[in-house]
Amino acid sequence: MTEHAENGASALDIAKLVASAAILVGGIAAFYLLVDVPLAARWLIVLGALAAGIVVALQSAQGREFWQFVQGSRIELRKVVWPTRQETLQTTLVVVVAIFVLGIFFWLLDMALGAITRALTGQGG
């Protein structure tokens, strides 16, 4: 077997992906080449090329596999238990207080180490 056959990528799938990229590049090139066309129309061309490129790419084996991944991710996202507003506020408060306390600690540590360094080196007043 060839490497492409083992990965599930046939020549047709590769052609679909190349065509998809070519459609997108063509849309972007049209944006810059059609300077006489109104800007809104040029953006519609780019968005249309993007949509067409996505549709073509999803027809390949890799595109179908990616779409299955997206569907599976959406299913898993529905299973997530999100924290309540109160839990979120409490956690945020704990983080803010911890940052404040550690900031003061490191400020005092920096001052103490600076004083020790100045005393050992004889610098400062």
Protein backbone atom coordinates (compact mmCIF):
# COMPACT_ATOMS: atom_id res chain seq x y z
CA MET A 1 0.00 0.00 0.00
CA THR A 2 1.08 3.53 -0.58
CA GLU A 3 1.41 6.10 2.14
CA HIS A 4 -1.63 8.00 0.89
CA ALA A 5 -3.82 4.91 0.99
CA GLU A 6 -2.76 4.15 4.56
CA ASN A 7 -3.63 7.67 5.70
CA GLY A 8 -6.98 7.54 3.96
CA ALA A 9 -6.01 10.30 1.52
CA SER A 10 -6.68 9.30 -2.06
CA ALA A 11 -5.58 11.28 -5.08
CA LEU A 12 -9.14 12.58 -5.43
CA ASP A 13 -9.11 13.82 -1.83
CA ILE A 14 -5.82 15.61 -2.40
CA ALA A 15 -7.24 17.15 -5.57
CA LYS A 16 -10.26 18.37 -3.61
CA LEU A 17 -8.04 20.00 -0.98
CA VAL A 18 -5.86 21.62 -3.66
CA ALA A 19 -9.00 22.86 -5.44
CA SER A 20 -10.29 24.24 -2.17
CA ALA A 21 -7.07 26.17 -1.58
CA ALA A 22 -7.10 27.38 -5.20
CA ILE A 23 -10.65 28.68 -4.82
CA LEU A 24 -9.68 30.60 -1.69
CA VAL A 25 -6.52 32.02 -3.29
CA GLY A 26 -8.57 32.97 -6.35
CA GLY A 27 -11.05 34.84 -4.20
CA ILE A 28 -8.27 36.73 -2.44
CA ALA A 29 -6.58 37.49 -5.76
CA ALA A 30 -9.88 38.77 -7.16
CA PHE A 31 -10.15 41.14 -4.19
CA TYR A 32 -6.88 42.81 -5.18
CA LEU A 33 -7.25 42.56 -8.96
CA LEU A 34 -10.78 43.96 -9.24
CA VAL A 35 -9.98 47.42 -7.93
CA ASP A 36 -12.74 49.01 -10.04
CA VAL A 37 -15.42 46.91 -8.34
CA PRO A 38 -16.95 48.39 -5.16
CA LEU A 39 -15.33 47.28 -1.92
CA ALA A 40 -18.47 45.55 -0.62
CA ALA A 41 -18.69 43.43 -3.77
CA ARG A 42 -15.03 42.49 -3.51
CA TRP A 43 -15.58 41.35 0.11
CA LEU A 44 -18.58 39.30 -1.03
CA ILE A 45 -16.33 37.63 -3.59
CA VAL A 46 -13.80 36.75 -0.89
CA LEU A 47 -16.51 35.44 1.45
CA GLY A 48 -18.07 33.46 -1.38
CA ALA A 49 -14.70 31.95 -2.26
CA LEU A 50 -14.16 31.08 1.40
CA ALA A 51 -17.55 29.38 1.60
CA ALA A 52 -17.00 27.51 -1.66
CA GLY A 53 -13.53 26.44 -0.54
CA ILE A 54 -14.92 25.11 2.74
CA VAL A 55 -17.67 23.19 0.93
CA VAL A 56 -15.13 21.61 -1.42
CA ALA A 57 -12.74 20.79 1.43
CA LEU A 58 -15.51 19.12 3.45
CA GLN A 59 -16.07 16.71 0.55
CA SER A 60 -12.65 15.12 1.13
CA ALA A 61 -11.94 12.36 3.64
CA GLN A 62 -10.02 14.80 5.83
CA GLY A 63 -12.89 17.27 5.65
CA ARG A 64 -15.44 14.64 6.68
CA GLU A 65 -13.17 13.57 9.53
CA PHE A 66 -12.83 17.18 10.65
CA TRP A 67 -16.61 17.67 10.54
CA GLN A 68 -17.09 14.55 12.68
CA PHE A 69 -14.60 16.00 15.16
CA VAL A 70 -16.56 19.27 15.27
CA GLN A 71 -19.83 17.40 15.88
CA GLY A 72 -18.21 15.33 18.65
CA SER A 73 -16.82 18.49 20.24
CA ARG A 74 -20.26 20.08 20.28
CA ILE A 75 -21.68 17.00 22.00
CA GLU A 76 -18.91 17.06 24.62
CA LEU A 77 -19.39 20.80 25.15
CA ARG A 78 -23.02 20.17 26.12
CA LYS A 79 -21.80 17.80 28.86
CA VAL A 80 -19.72 20.49 30.58
CA VAL A 81 -21.03 21.61 33.96
CA TRP A 82 -20.51 25.36 34.07
CA PRO A 83 -20.00 27.09 37.44
CA THR A 84 -22.75 29.25 38.84
CA ARG A 85 -22.39 33.02 39.03
CA GLN A 86 -21.72 32.82 42.77
CA GLU A 87 -18.98 30.18 42.33
CA THR A 88 -17.36 32.30 39.64
CA LEU A 89 -17.41 35.43 41.81
CA GLN A 90 -16.02 33.57 44.82
CA THR A 91 -13.20 32.05 42.78
CA THR A 92 -12.39 35.44 41.26
CA LEU A 93 -12.30 37.03 44.71
CA VAL A 94 -9.91 34.34 45.99
CA VAL A 95 -7.60 34.90 43.02
CA VAL A 96 -7.61 38.70 43.44
CA VAL A 97 -6.87 38.44 47.18
CA ALA A 98 -4.08 35.90 46.55
CA ILE A 99 -2.51 38.18 43.94
CA PHE A 100 -2.72 41.16 46.32
CA VAL A 101 -1.15 39.24 49.23
CA LEU A 102 1.61 37.77 47.08
CA GLY A 103 2.28 41.18 45.54
CA ILE A 104 2.80 42.70 48.98
CA PHE A 105 4.97 39.75 50.03
CA PHE A 106 7.26 40.04 47.01
CA TRP A 107 7.42 43.84 47.39
CA LEU A 108 8.57 43.47 51.00
CA LEU A 109 10.99 40.70 50.04
CA ASP A 110 12.45 42.90 47.30
CA MET A 111 12.89 45.79 49.72
CA ALA A 112 14.55 43.55 52.32
CA LEU A 113 16.91 41.95 49.81
CA GLY A 114 17.73 45.40 48.38
CA ALA A 115 18.55 46.70 51.86
CA ILE A 116 20.72 43.66 52.58
CA THR A 117 22.52 44.06 49.26
CA ARG A 118 23.13 47.77 49.87
CA ALA A 119 24.45 47.01 53.39
CA LEU A 120 26.82 44.28 52.13
CA THR A 121 28.16 46.31 49.22
CA GLY A 122 28.39 49.60 51.12
CA GLN A 123 26.24 51.44 48.56
CA GLY A 124 23.44 53.76 49.49
CA GLY A 125 23.05 56.29 52.26
